[in-house]
Every structure is written in C-alpha cells, then in structure tokens.
Amino acid sequence: MSYDVTVIGEIYLDHVFSGFAGWPGPGEEIFTDKYQWELGGGAVNTACALARLGRSVQLIGVVGRGEFPAIEQRLAHFGVSAGNLVLSDTRTGVTVSVSVAEERTLFSYRGANEHLLALLESTPSLLRSAAESRHVHLALPLPAGSIATVVRVLASDVATTSLDVGHDVAWLQSDSSAQVMQAVDYLLPNAKEAQVMSGSVSGYLDRCRALGCSAVVKLGAAGAVMVAEGREVRVAPPSVQVLDTTGAGDAFDAGFIDGLLAGLDPRGCLELGCICGSLSTRAAGSLEALPSREEIAIVKETHVA
C-alpha cells in the first residue's frame, strides 16, 4: 500500500509527572496524582498530526517487542499504520518528564532507537516502502554519511522530503550538516536550532540562500519564516490559550507537509503549519489537542482572512 506520508524516526514511551511543589532531597520520596503515559518523539507526534488531518500515514521506527502491542494500539487510535515498525529485543526508548513549578526536567533512554539508522541502511525493503509515499518526513539527526544510502534513495522516487533533527547540538554544529540540508527538500529547525547552526535566524536564512536550498524556521509565538526561490515570507500564528507547547513544532511540521501535499504556495504552507502548531498547545501533552480539518477551517476564517 502507498501512503500520503511516511514518517521515519525515533519512538519513545513518555512518562510525564507533574504537580510537584519541589524536588525531593537525597533519599526522600514524594508523590503526585498527576501522571500521564503517552507515546512520544517527534516522529510519533508528526505522524499522528498528519493522520488527524486525514492523511494516510505509516510510521517506520524500532520498538521493543514487549511494548509493541500497546504502541500499535495507540497509533491505530489516530489512524497511523504500524505495519513497518521493526521489533527489537532491546526495550523501546523511554523519556521521563518531571515538572516542578514551571521547570521541566527530562531523563531519556534511547533503547531500540539506537538501531534505527543501521536498519535503514541495511534493510532495502523499509526504504522501498517509504519511497512509495508522496512525502517522506525524517525525524532524526541524519548524518551526512547516510545521504547516499537513505536520502538519495528516497529522493529518486518520492515527490518531496523533509527533515527535523530536533535540538541535536552535535548535528547542528557539524560541518557536514550542509550536505544534508542540500539533499532534503525542507529542513525544519526552530529558532534556537537555526541559531546553533548559523549564529542567528537571519544568518541561517543567508546560509540557505548561499547553499541554494529552501529555508523554513519555526519561530514559536512569532510564527514562522520561509525563504523559497529568493523570496522571504513571514507568517504570524493565530492567538490561542496556550496550556502546553510540547510537540508544537512537530505539529507545525505536519501542517507544513499537509500544505505541500495540497499544492499550497509557501505562505499557505506556513499558515497551515502555524495553525496546527498553535492549536496543538491547547491541552497537556503532544497528542491530546492535535487539530482536525474542521478546527483549522474555523481558525482560517478568523485569522487568515
């Protein structure tokens, strides 16, 4: 089966604890009644957001054999295919989030995600499956050495590709990142990531112009900016009551990709990305407030007029 979008990336089980007044001291234990279990990782967030918009989506990643049934069930709730998830004897990646007052601390274990890149490079069937899609979104810090084995294989058949590496400082500061930027159609950093790469957002945009590649930067509450074919476009986000910004950038990615698939121009893609990112912040967690087409249409009527 061919899909509108294949999303490839790391998958985590998120354990979110909140409601603490402060950290326990050494040897102490404190309790909370605010706990949430959820699937996490940028790949999961973007895949579920695209499926919520009605796109057919498959997710490619590596998960622990024992956790697979629960993961498959949760993805099915959103309409995301788990048929090409690879099962490993290594446990699924885990992130524990602990919020104290307004500060959040994360503890993570990569687990089965450690095997993803090697599997992509050594399992042609996974890339063949991805290459049947209209768009492939990569949510992982793809090294330059994987261009020939992963990106170029996909680019030869897929209409468009995008990459969101997250805040991986080593990748962002790598001299070889430029090779990856030129190999994919769209790199989707946020402002902090663009600053790590080029010193400032404007410096990043100039760098993309010099490399001859499209530039998209997520600016959070300031919206987003894109440079395409030498023209700069800026879009402001709609006003919403923000509860939790976790995963907002991943929801932006989904809206932007949906715009590409719909044949929208750069402004239209940015607007759709900003609406999706903003609406995703209305509830706690990355998945609870992912917007539907109907919700987006209402916002468009009032915001993008």
Foldseek 3Di string as FASTA:
>chain_A
DEWQEEEEEAKAWEKEAEDAQDDDDVPDDDDDPDIDIDIDALSLLLQLLLLLQVTAYEYEAEAEPVCVVVVCVRSVVSRYHDPRYHYDPKHGKYWYWYDHDHDIDIDIDRIRRVCRLVCQQVPVVVQVNRLSHQEYEYAALDFLVCLVRHLVSSVVRHNFYEYEHDPPLCSLCDPSVLSVQVSHQYYEEEQVSLCSNQVGVVRSVVVCVVSVHKYKYQDVQQFIWIADPNDIDGDGADDDDFDAQVQLSSQLVNQLSVCVSVVHDPVNSSHRSRHQSVQQRNDPDSNPRRDYPVVSVVCCVVPVD
